Amino acid sequence: MRNYKKMISIGRPIDLGYFSNRYVVALSAITFVIYLLYGLFFVTQDISSIETYQIPLKATIISFLAWAIGREFHPDDPLTAMVAQLITSLSFIFLFPNFIPSGMALFLILLCSRTTLLSSSKELTILDHLAVIGLAVFVGLSTQNWIYPMIATAAYSVNAYLRSDIRSVMGTVGMSFFTLFVWNRYGSIMYIHDISMLLKILAVVMLLLAILAVFFPKQIVTSRNDDNTEALKAERVIATQLVIIFATVLLANFASQEGLQTTVALFPVLSAFPLVRWFNQ
């Protein structure tokens, strides 16, 4: 494990000694079983036998990623991540089976958040950088959308500003040029999604409340990184929160239908954060 951490530090283990980690494993298993049974007995649409198992698995992965992103968004209180996963899992009751997003964009956001927060280790390895940049390039080209490398650019820009190490600066420059390449190659489109005005207003309210909770009251961070080598810095926590909010805004306005579906796992994080933070004050 120690040699592994020297090679790639961006991965985070799930220590079952903590209740919140046992919770995510249990809820993930429950989510899979419930939606598997739901698909087998209650879905009237014609879906293949492979999709019967594939779709519940995707729903489980998305709910898990909501928890993982929530853990980066609010490292001092695991309740935010737990509530976010629960909301995401419950939301699939109304969205199943057609509205289950791909996990690639969420995984990219998760890696970008760990790049800015440095929650796993105080140093990023070369493989960490290759993982983030490689995934951003892959998702950007496969979706033909500039917003995904833009999210990585934002994360690298924050890291370069806070630390000014050469790898982060090179990552910022490289991802900036790649974002411009995708923009120039495929264009920039603001999608007009068929969403009710009530949902649009609710989304704006959640974004505003999340931004307000980032700054008020002042955040005092007590968590340490997984290596236990140093405490997490408040400015990095705030920067990570803003990067995730920025990613949510981009996905809601400039992503295709599949990209918009990704926000199903992000808005629960943004809605849980102010509730948990202000309730615990």
C-alpha atoms as a PDB file:
ATOM      1  CA  MET A   1       0.000   0.000   0.000  1.00  0.00           C
ATOM      2  CA  ARG A   2       2.857   2.367   0.796  1.00  0.00           C
ATOM      3  CA  ASN A   3       4.454   1.776  -2.626  1.00  0.00           C
ATOM      4  CA  TYR A   4       1.069   2.278  -4.259  1.00  0.00           C
ATOM      5  CA  LYS A   5       0.688   5.656  -2.535  1.00  0.00           C
ATOM      6  CA  LYS A   6       4.092   6.682  -3.856  1.00  0.00           C
ATOM      7  CA  MET A   7       2.931   5.959  -7.411  1.00  0.00           C
ATOM      8  CA  ILE A   8      -0.575   7.421  -7.260  1.00  0.00           C
ATOM      9  CA  SER A   9      -1.955   9.329  -4.290  1.00  0.00           C
ATOM     10  CA  ILE A  10      -5.257  10.579  -5.653  1.00  0.00           C
ATOM     11  CA  GLY A  11      -7.127   7.412  -4.689  1.00  0.00           C
ATOM     12  CA  ARG A  12      -8.795   7.318  -1.287  1.00  0.00           C
ATOM     13  CA  PRO A  13      -9.502   4.115   0.666  1.00  0.00           C
ATOM     14  CA  ILE A  14     -12.818   3.334   2.339  1.00  0.00           C
ATOM     15  CA  ASP A  15     -12.008   2.566   5.972  1.00  0.00           C
ATOM     16  CA  LEU A  16     -14.898   0.496   7.306  1.00  0.00           C
ATOM     17  CA  GLY A  17     -13.913   1.507  10.816  1.00  0.00           C
ATOM     18  CA  TYR A  18     -15.914   4.703  10.259  1.00  0.00           C
ATOM     19  CA  PHE A  19     -19.706   4.650  10.354  1.00  0.00           C
ATOM     20  CA  SER A  20     -20.030   6.939   7.322  1.00  0.00           C
ATOM     21  CA  ASN A  21     -17.973   4.512   5.238  1.00  0.00           C
ATOM     22  CA  ARG A  22     -20.016   1.515   6.356  1.00  0.00           C
ATOM     23  CA  TYR A  23     -23.087   3.574   5.488  1.00  0.00           C
ATOM     24  CA  VAL A  24     -21.977   4.193   1.893  1.00  0.00           C
ATOM     25  CA  VAL A  25     -21.251   0.500   1.332  1.00  0.00           C
ATOM     26  CA  ALA A  26     -24.614  -0.525   2.785  1.00  0.00           C
ATOM     27  CA  LEU A  27     -26.598   2.114   0.891  1.00  0.00           C
ATOM     28  CA  SER A  28     -24.811   1.242  -2.355  1.00  0.00           C
ATOM     29  CA  ALA A  29     -25.776  -2.418  -1.944  1.00  0.00           C
ATOM     30  CA  ILE A  30     -29.366  -1.488  -1.069  1.00  0.00           C
ATOM     31  CA  THR A  31     -29.569   0.849  -4.069  1.00  0.00           C
ATOM     32  CA  PHE A  32     -28.465  -1.901  -6.438  1.00  0.00           C
ATOM     33  CA  VAL A  33     -30.888  -4.484  -5.043  1.00  0.00           C
ATOM     34  CA  ILE A  34     -33.876  -2.120  -5.001  1.00  0.00           C
ATOM     35  CA  TYR A  35     -33.413  -0.925  -8.578  1.00  0.00           C
ATOM     36  CA  LEU A  36     -32.653  -4.429  -9.794  1.00  0.00           C
ATOM     37  CA  LEU A  37     -35.972  -5.622  -8.363  1.00  0.00           C
ATOM     38  CA  TYR A  38     -37.671  -2.486  -9.659  1.00  0.00           C
ATOM     39  CA  GLY A  39     -36.339  -3.155 -13.154  1.00  0.00           C
ATOM     40  CA  LEU A  40     -37.317  -6.818 -13.048  1.00  0.00           C
ATOM     41  CA  PHE A  41     -40.872  -6.436 -11.784  1.00  0.00           C
ATOM     42  CA  PHE A  42     -42.126  -2.880 -12.283  1.00  0.00           C
ATOM     43  CA  VAL A  43     -40.541  -1.375 -15.406  1.00  0.00           C
ATOM     44  CA  THR A  44     -42.930  -1.803 -18.317  1.00  0.00           C
ATOM     45  CA  GLN A  45     -40.470  -0.617 -20.974  1.00  0.00           C
ATOM     46  CA  ASP A  46     -38.748  -3.119 -23.205  1.00  0.00           C
ATOM     47  CA  ILE A  47     -35.191  -3.322 -21.865  1.00  0.00           C
ATOM     48  CA  SER A  48     -32.708  -6.102 -22.511  1.00  0.00           C
ATOM     49  CA  SER A  49     -31.629  -8.604 -19.883  1.00  0.00           C
ATOM     50  CA  ILE A  50     -28.184  -6.980 -19.837  1.00  0.00           C
ATOM     51  CA  GLU A  51     -29.716  -3.541 -19.210  1.00  0.00           C
ATOM     52  CA  THR A  52     -31.777  -5.014 -16.380  1.00  0.00           C
ATOM     53  CA  TYR A  53     -28.523  -5.441 -14.439  1.00  0.00           C
ATOM     54  CA  GLN A  54     -26.518  -2.667 -16.091  1.00  0.00           C
ATOM     55  CA  ILE A  55     -28.885   0.185 -15.239  1.00  0.00           C
ATOM     56  CA  PRO A  56     -29.112  -0.594 -11.477  1.00  0.00           C
ATOM     57  CA  LEU A  57     -25.316  -0.881 -11.429  1.00  0.00           C
ATOM     58  CA  LYS A  58     -25.003   2.571 -13.047  1.00  0.00           C
ATOM     59  CA  ALA A  59     -27.458   4.004 -10.509  1.00  0.00           C
ATOM     60  CA  THR A  60     -25.371   2.515  -7.696  1.00  0.00           C
ATOM     61  CA  ILE A  61     -22.145   3.962  -9.115  1.00  0.00           C
ATOM     62  CA  ILE A  62     -23.702   7.413  -9.522  1.00  0.00           C
ATOM     63  CA  SER A  63     -25.012   7.435  -5.948  1.00  0.00           C
ATOM     64  CA  PHE A  64     -21.574   6.344  -4.715  1.00  0.00           C
ATOM     65  CA  LEU A  65     -19.891   9.149  -6.677  1.00  0.00           C
ATOM     66  CA  ALA A  66     -22.339  11.627  -5.131  1.00  0.00           C
ATOM     67  CA  TRP A  67     -21.089  10.475  -1.726  1.00  0.00           C
ATOM     68  CA  ALA A  68     -17.436  10.649  -2.805  1.00  0.00           C
ATOM     69  CA  ILE A  69     -17.819  14.184  -4.187  1.00  0.00           C
ATOM     70  CA  GLY A  70     -19.730  15.201  -1.057  1.00  0.00           C
ATOM     71  CA  ARG A  71     -16.812  13.950   1.039  1.00  0.00           C
ATOM     72  CA  GLU A  72     -14.466  16.273  -0.859  1.00  0.00           C
ATOM     73  CA  PHE A  73     -16.956  19.153  -0.774  1.00  0.00           C
ATOM     74  CA  HIS A  74     -17.352  19.098   3.013  1.00  0.00           C
ATOM     75  CA  PRO A  75     -14.479  17.101   4.536  1.00  0.00           C
ATOM     76  CA  ASP A  76     -15.219  18.150   8.110  1.00  0.00           C
ATOM     77  CA  ASP A  77     -18.693  16.599   8.237  1.00  0.00           C
ATOM     78  CA  PRO A  78     -19.465  13.229   6.603  1.00  0.00           C
ATOM     79  CA  LEU A  79     -23.186  13.928   6.978  1.00  0.00           C
ATOM     80  CA  THR A  80     -23.133  16.086   3.829  1.00  0.00           C
ATOM     81  CA  ALA A  81     -21.868  13.169   1.745  1.00  0.00           C
ATOM     82  CA  MET A  82     -24.286  10.739   3.390  1.00  0.00           C
ATOM     83  CA  VAL A  83     -27.314  12.949   2.742  1.00  0.00           C
ATOM     84  CA  ALA A  84     -26.167  13.604  -0.836  1.00  0.00           C
ATOM     85  CA  GLN A  85     -25.933   9.880  -1.552  1.00  0.00           C
ATOM     86  CA  LEU A  86     -29.356   9.233  -0.037  1.00  0.00           C
ATOM     87  CA  ILE A  87     -30.999  12.004  -2.093  1.00  0.00           C
ATOM     88  CA  THR A  88     -29.312  10.750  -5.263  1.00  0.00           C
ATOM     89  CA  SER A  89     -30.414   7.170  -4.641  1.00  0.00           C
ATOM     90  CA  LEU A  90     -34.002   8.241  -3.964  1.00  0.00           C
ATOM     91  CA  SER A  91     -34.090  10.477  -7.046  1.00  0.00           C
ATOM     92  CA  PHE A  92     -33.747   7.461  -9.316  1.00  0.00           C
ATOM     93  CA  ILE A  93     -37.234   6.369  -8.252  1.00  0.00           C
ATOM     94  CA  PHE A  94     -38.528   9.142 -10.515  1.00  0.00           C
ATOM     95  CA  LEU A  95     -35.796   8.906 -13.172  1.00  0.00           C
ATOM     96  CA  PHE A  96     -35.377   5.149 -13.627  1.00  0.00           C
ATOM     97  CA  PRO A  97     -34.599   3.697 -16.151  1.00  0.00           C
ATOM     98  CA  ASN A  98     -34.089   6.429 -18.789  1.00  0.00           C
ATOM     99  CA  PHE A  99     -32.355   9.158 -16.806  1.00  0.00           C
ATOM    100  CA  ILE A 100     -29.288   7.404 -15.398  1.00  0.00           C
ATOM    101  CA  PRO A 101     -26.193   9.446 -16.333  1.00  0.00           C
ATOM    102  CA  SER A 102     -22.726   8.287 -17.249  1.00  0.00           C
ATOM    103  CA  GLY A 103     -20.257   8.262 -14.401  1.00  0.00           C
ATOM    104  CA  MET A 104     -17.252   9.497 -16.424  1.00  0.00           C
ATOM    105  CA  ALA A 105     -17.966  13.205 -15.963  1.00  0.00           C
ATOM    106  CA  LEU A 106     -18.632  12.722 -12.250  1.00  0.00           C
ATOM    107  CA  PHE A 107     -15.417  10.753 -11.880  1.00  0.00           C
ATOM    108  CA  LEU A 108     -13.549  13.605 -13.575  1.00  0.00           C
ATOM    109  CA  ILE A 109     -15.088  16.107 -11.140  1.00  0.00           C
ATOM    110  CA  LEU A 110     -14.114  13.840  -8.242  1.00  0.00           C
ATOM    111  CA  LEU A 111     -10.482  13.659  -9.391  1.00  0.00           C
ATOM    112  CA  CYS A 112     -10.396  17.422  -9.981  1.00  0.00           C
ATOM    113  CA  SER A 113     -11.718  18.051  -6.471  1.00  0.00           C
ATOM    114  CA  ARG A 114      -8.981  15.855  -5.019  1.00  0.00           C
ATOM    115  CA  THR A 115      -6.448  17.778  -7.093  1.00  0.00           C
ATOM    116  CA  THR A 116      -7.439  21.054  -5.445  1.00  0.00           C
ATOM    117  CA  LEU A 117      -8.166  19.738  -1.937  1.00  0.00           C
ATOM    118  CA  LEU A 118      -5.165  17.376  -1.625  1.00  0.00           C
ATOM    119  CA  SER A 119      -7.292  15.237   0.674  1.00  0.00           C
ATOM    120  CA  SER A 120      -5.397  12.019   0.066  1.00  0.00           C
ATOM    121  CA  SER A 121      -1.823  13.296   0.255  1.00  0.00           C
ATOM    122  CA  LYS A 122       0.027  16.598   0.445  1.00  0.00           C
ATOM    123  CA  GLU A 123       1.715  15.912  -2.905  1.00  0.00           C
ATOM    124  CA  LEU A 124       0.332  14.851  -6.276  1.00  0.00           C
ATOM    125  CA  THR A 125       2.362  12.287  -8.201  1.00  0.00           C
ATOM    126  CA  ILE A 126       3.002  12.256 -11.940  1.00  0.00           C
ATOM    127  CA  LEU A 127       0.431   9.466 -12.301  1.00  0.00           C
ATOM    128  CA  ASP A 128      -2.127  11.641 -10.498  1.00  0.00           C
ATOM    129  CA  HIS A 129      -1.626  14.381 -13.073  1.00  0.00           C
ATOM    130  CA  LEU A 130      -1.759  11.908 -15.945  1.00  0.00           C
ATOM    131  CA  ALA A 131      -5.013  10.449 -14.591  1.00  0.00           C
ATOM    132  CA  VAL A 132      -6.746  13.836 -14.370  1.00  0.00           C
ATOM    133  CA  ILE A 133      -5.452  15.158 -17.686  1.00  0.00           C
ATOM    134  CA  GLY A 134      -6.033  11.867 -19.493  1.00  0.00           C
ATOM    135  CA  LEU A 135      -9.616  11.600 -18.263  1.00  0.00           C
ATOM    136  CA  ALA A 136     -10.337  15.253 -19.123  1.00  0.00           C
ATOM    137  CA  VAL A 137      -8.994  14.721 -22.651  1.00  0.00           C
ATOM    138  CA  PHE A 138     -10.962  11.494 -23.086  1.00  0.00           C
ATOM    139  CA  VAL A 139     -14.276  12.919 -21.860  1.00  0.00           C
ATOM    140  CA  GLY A 140     -13.770  16.160 -23.798  1.00  0.00           C
ATOM    141  CA  LEU A 141     -13.129  14.345 -27.085  1.00  0.00           C
ATOM    142  CA  SER A 142     -15.757  11.631 -26.601  1.00  0.00           C
ATOM    143  CA  THR A 143     -18.476  14.186 -25.807  1.00  0.00           C
ATOM    144  CA  GLN A 144     -17.047  16.830 -28.175  1.00  0.00           C
ATOM    145  CA  ASN A 145     -17.609  19.390 -25.429  1.00  0.00           C
ATOM    146  CA  TRP A 146     -15.150  21.944 -24.063  1.00  0.00           C
ATOM    147  CA  ILE A 147     -16.617  22.108 -20.554  1.00  0.00           C
ATOM    148  CA  TYR A 148     -14.905  18.939 -19.327  1.00  0.00           C
ATOM    149  CA  PRO A 149     -11.329  20.093 -19.995  1.00  0.00           C
ATOM    150  CA  MET A 150     -12.466  23.486 -18.681  1.00  0.00           C
ATOM    151  CA  ILE A 151     -13.328  21.885 -15.335  1.00  0.00           C
ATOM    152  CA  ALA A 152      -9.834  20.371 -15.207  1.00  0.00           C
ATOM    153  CA  THR A 153      -8.364  23.743 -16.193  1.00  0.00           C
ATOM    154  CA  ALA A 154     -10.172  25.391 -13.272  1.00  0.00           C
ATOM    155  CA  ALA A 155      -8.841  22.784 -10.839  1.00  0.00           C
ATOM    156  CA  TYR A 156      -5.279  23.155 -12.112  1.00  0.00           C
ATOM    157  CA  SER A 157      -5.513  26.952 -12.072  1.00  0.00           C
ATOM    158  CA  VAL A 158      -6.522  26.885  -8.414  1.00  0.00           C
ATOM    159  CA  ASN A 159      -3.734  24.452  -7.573  1.00  0.00           C
ATOM    160  CA  ALA A 160      -1.172  26.549  -9.451  1.00  0.00           C
ATOM    161  CA  TYR A 161      -2.341  29.682  -7.633  1.00  0.00           C
ATOM    162  CA  LEU A 162      -2.192  28.072  -4.189  1.00  0.00           C
ATOM    163  CA  ARG A 163       1.082  26.222  -4.663  1.00  0.00           C
ATOM    164  CA  SER A 164       2.783  27.491  -7.866  1.00  0.00           C
ATOM    165  CA  ASP A 165       4.483  24.157  -8.545  1.00  0.00           C
ATOM    166  CA  ILE A 166       5.641  23.529 -12.100  1.00  0.00           C
ATOM    167  CA  ARG A 167       3.365  20.519 -12.668  1.00  0.00           C
ATOM    168  CA  SER A 168       0.222  22.483 -11.823  1.00  0.00           C
ATOM    169  CA  VAL A 169       1.343  25.395 -13.989  1.00  0.00           C
ATOM    170  CA  MET A 170       2.029  23.041 -16.896  1.00  0.00           C
ATOM    171  CA  GLY A 171      -1.324  21.341 -16.297  1.00  0.00           C
ATOM    172  CA  THR A 172      -3.093  24.698 -16.372  1.00  0.00           C
ATOM    173  CA  VAL A 173      -1.418  25.730 -19.615  1.00  0.00           C
ATOM    174  CA  GLY A 174      -1.929  22.342 -21.251  1.00  0.00           C
ATOM    175  CA  MET A 175      -5.601  22.043 -20.298  1.00  0.00           C
ATOM    176  CA  SER A 176      -6.234  25.660 -21.335  1.00  0.00           C
ATOM    177  CA  PHE A 177      -4.898  24.982 -24.826  1.00  0.00           C
ATOM    178  CA  PHE A 178      -6.863  21.738 -25.058  1.00  0.00           C
ATOM    179  CA  THR A 179     -10.054  23.530 -23.968  1.00  0.00           C
ATOM    180  CA  LEU A 180      -9.520  26.088 -26.729  1.00  0.00           C
ATOM    181  CA  PHE A 181      -8.869  23.284 -29.211  1.00  0.00           C
ATOM    182  CA  VAL A 182     -12.144  21.520 -28.366  1.00  0.00           C
ATOM    183  CA  TRP A 183     -13.993  24.855 -28.403  1.00  0.00           C
ATOM    184  CA  ASN A 184     -12.581  25.728 -31.816  1.00  0.00           C
ATOM    185  CA  ARG A 185     -13.093  22.206 -33.204  1.00  0.00           C
ATOM    186  CA  TYR A 186     -16.627  21.546 -32.008  1.00  0.00           C
ATOM    187  CA  GLY A 187     -17.941  24.972 -31.046  1.00  0.00           C
ATOM    188  CA  SER A 188     -19.685  26.247 -27.936  1.00  0.00           C
ATOM    189  CA  ILE A 189     -23.377  25.570 -27.520  1.00  0.00           C
ATOM    190  CA  MET A 190     -25.689  26.637 -24.722  1.00  0.00           C
ATOM    191  CA  TYR A 191     -28.355  23.948 -24.590  1.00  0.00           C
ATOM    192  CA  ILE A 192     -31.988  24.846 -24.011  1.00  0.00           C
ATOM    193  CA  HIS A 193     -33.283  21.943 -21.964  1.00  0.00           C
ATOM    194  CA  ASP A 194     -36.953  21.172 -21.561  1.00  0.00           C
ATOM    195  CA  ILE A 195     -37.094  21.739 -17.813  1.00  0.00           C
ATOM    196  CA  SER A 196     -39.941  23.256 -15.842  1.00  0.00           C
ATOM    197  CA  MET A 197     -39.522  26.771 -14.492  1.00  0.00           C
ATOM    198  CA  LEU A 198     -39.979  25.434 -10.960  1.00  0.00           C
ATOM    199  CA  LEU A 199     -36.946  23.152 -11.313  1.00  0.00           C
ATOM    200  CA  LYS A 200     -34.882  25.990 -12.788  1.00  0.00           C
ATOM    201  CA  ILE A 201     -35.761  28.257  -9.863  1.00  0.00           C
ATOM    202  CA  LEU A 202     -35.002  25.451  -7.404  1.00  0.00           C
ATOM    203  CA  ALA A 203     -31.603  24.871  -9.038  1.00  0.00           C
ATOM    204  CA  VAL A 204     -30.709  28.572  -8.821  1.00  0.00           C
ATOM    205  CA  VAL A 205     -31.770  28.700  -5.160  1.00  0.00           C
ATOM    206  CA  MET A 206     -29.627  25.642  -4.340  1.00  0.00           C
ATOM    207  CA  LEU A 207     -26.626  27.195  -6.092  1.00  0.00           C
ATOM    208  CA  LEU A 208     -27.020  30.499  -4.254  1.00  0.00           C
ATOM    209  CA  LEU A 209     -27.455  28.813  -0.864  1.00  0.00           C
ATOM    210  CA  ALA A 210     -24.397  26.641  -1.483  1.00  0.00           C
ATOM    211  CA  ILE A 211     -22.281  29.675  -2.423  1.00  0.00           C
ATOM    212  CA  LEU A 212     -23.539  31.540   0.648  1.00  0.00           C
ATOM    213  CA  ALA A 213     -22.688  28.581   2.890  1.00  0.00           C
ATOM    214  CA  VAL A 214     -19.152  28.468   1.453  1.00  0.00           C
ATOM    215  CA  PHE A 215     -18.387  31.921   2.848  1.00  0.00           C
ATOM    216  CA  PHE A 216     -20.789  32.415   5.786  1.00  0.00           C
ATOM    217  CA  PRO A 217     -19.946  31.696   8.490  1.00  0.00           C
ATOM    218  CA  LYS A 218     -16.190  31.486   8.082  1.00  0.00           C
ATOM    219  CA  GLN A 219     -15.026  27.900   7.646  1.00  0.00           C
ATOM    220  CA  ILE A 220     -12.651  26.504  10.255  1.00  0.00           C
ATOM    221  CA  VAL A 221     -11.264  23.231   8.905  1.00  0.00           C
ATOM    222  CA  THR A 222     -10.134  20.509  11.311  1.00  0.00           C
ATOM    223  CA  SER A 223      -9.780  17.502   8.971  1.00  0.00           C
ATOM    224  CA  ARG A 224      -6.414  16.066   7.978  1.00  0.00           C
ATOM    225  CA  ASN A 225      -5.359  14.331   4.779  1.00  0.00           C
ATOM    226  CA  ASP A 226      -5.429  10.543   4.514  1.00  0.00           C
ATOM    227  CA  ASP A 227      -1.670  10.336   5.070  1.00  0.00           C
ATOM    228  CA  ASN A 228      -2.156  12.295   8.309  1.00  0.00           C
ATOM    229  CA  THR A 229       0.854  14.401   7.322  1.00  0.00           C
ATOM    230  CA  GLU A 230      -0.885  17.768   7.500  1.00  0.00           C
ATOM    231  CA  ALA A 231      -4.224  19.445   8.135  1.00  0.00           C
ATOM    232  CA  LEU A 232      -6.408  20.400   5.204  1.00  0.00           C
ATOM    233  CA  LYS A 233      -6.225  24.108   4.463  1.00  0.00           C
ATOM    234  CA  ALA A 234      -9.378  26.219   4.575  1.00  0.00           C
ATOM    235  CA  GLU A 235      -8.486  28.012   1.342  1.00  0.00           C
ATOM    236  CA  ARG A 236      -8.202  24.671  -0.451  1.00  0.00           C
ATOM    237  CA  VAL A 237     -11.541  23.504   0.934  1.00  0.00           C
ATOM    238  CA  ILE A 238     -13.215  26.700  -0.298  1.00  0.00           C
ATOM    239  CA  ALA A 239     -11.464  26.443  -3.664  1.00  0.00           C
ATOM    240  CA  THR A 240     -12.650  22.842  -4.063  1.00  0.00           C
ATOM    241  CA  GLN A 241     -16.212  23.827  -3.236  1.00  0.00           C
ATOM    242  CA  LEU A 242     -16.128  26.619  -5.813  1.00  0.00           C
ATOM    243  CA  VAL A 243     -14.678  24.308  -8.488  1.00  0.00           C
ATOM    244  CA  ILE A 244     -17.524  21.823  -7.934  1.00  0.00           C
ATOM    245  CA  ILE A 245     -20.119  24.620  -8.036  1.00  0.00           C
ATOM    246  CA  PHE A 246     -18.489  25.949 -11.215  1.00  0.00           C
ATOM    247  CA  ALA A 247     -18.646  22.465 -12.758  1.00  0.00           C
ATOM    248  CA  THR A 248     -22.337  22.190 -11.865  1.00  0.00           C
ATOM    249  CA  VAL A 249     -23.126  25.516 -13.546  1.00  0.00           C
ATOM    250  CA  LEU A 250     -21.235  24.480 -16.694  1.00  0.00           C
ATOM    251  CA  LEU A 251     -23.014  21.123 -16.867  1.00  0.00           C
ATOM    252  CA  ALA A 252     -26.432  22.701 -16.354  1.00  0.00           C
ATOM    253  CA  ASN A 253     -25.970  25.222 -19.164  1.00  0.00           C
ATOM    254  CA  PHE A 254     -23.435  23.947 -21.686  1.00  0.00           C
ATOM    255  CA  ALA A 255     -23.764  20.155 -21.544  1.00  0.00           C
ATOM    256  CA  SER A 256     -25.934  17.886 -23.638  1.00  0.00           C
ATOM    257  CA  GLN A 257     -28.820  15.942 -22.133  1.00  0.00           C
ATOM    258  CA  GLU A 258     -26.444  13.292 -20.808  1.00  0.00           C
ATOM    259  CA  GLY A 259     -24.230  15.955 -19.263  1.00  0.00           C
ATOM    260  CA  LEU A 260     -27.246  17.592 -17.650  1.00  0.00           C
ATOM    261  CA  GLN A 261     -28.175  14.238 -16.129  1.00  0.00           C
ATOM    262  CA  THR A 262     -24.842  14.321 -14.306  1.00  0.00           C
ATOM    263  CA  THR A 263     -26.144  17.146 -12.111  1.00  0.00           C
ATOM    264  CA  VAL A 264     -28.536  14.613 -10.562  1.00  0.00           C
ATOM    265  CA  ALA A 265     -25.580  13.673  -8.337  1.00  0.00           C
ATOM    266  CA  LEU A 266     -24.221  17.223  -7.897  1.00  0.00           C
ATOM    267  CA  PHE A 267     -27.277  19.177  -6.811  1.00  0.00           C
ATOM    268  CA  PRO A 268     -27.840  16.811  -3.838  1.00  0.00           C
ATOM    269  CA  VAL A 269     -24.327  17.721  -2.654  1.00  0.00           C
ATOM    270  CA  LEU A 270     -25.033  21.439  -3.052  1.00  0.00           C
ATOM    271  CA  SER A 271     -28.383  21.174  -1.256  1.00  0.00           C
ATOM    272  CA  ALA A 272     -27.064  19.020   1.611  1.00  0.00           C
ATOM    273  CA  PHE A 273     -24.053  21.253   2.315  1.00  0.00           C
ATOM    274  CA  PRO A 274     -25.815  24.423   3.586  1.00  0.00           C
ATOM    275  CA  LEU A 275     -28.350  22.387   5.559  1.00  0.00           C
ATOM    276  CA  VAL A 276     -25.671  20.373   7.345  1.00  0.00           C
ATOM    277  CA  ARG A 277     -23.313  23.311   7.818  1.00  0.00           C
ATOM    278  CA  TRP A 278     -25.858  25.762   9.204  1.00  0.00           C
ATOM    279  CA  PHE A 279     -27.637  23.117  11.281  1.00  0.00           C
ATOM    280  CA  ASN A 280     -24.383  22.241  13.047  1.00  0.00           C
ATOM    281  CA  GLN A 281     -23.461  25.833  13.877  1.00  0.00           C
END
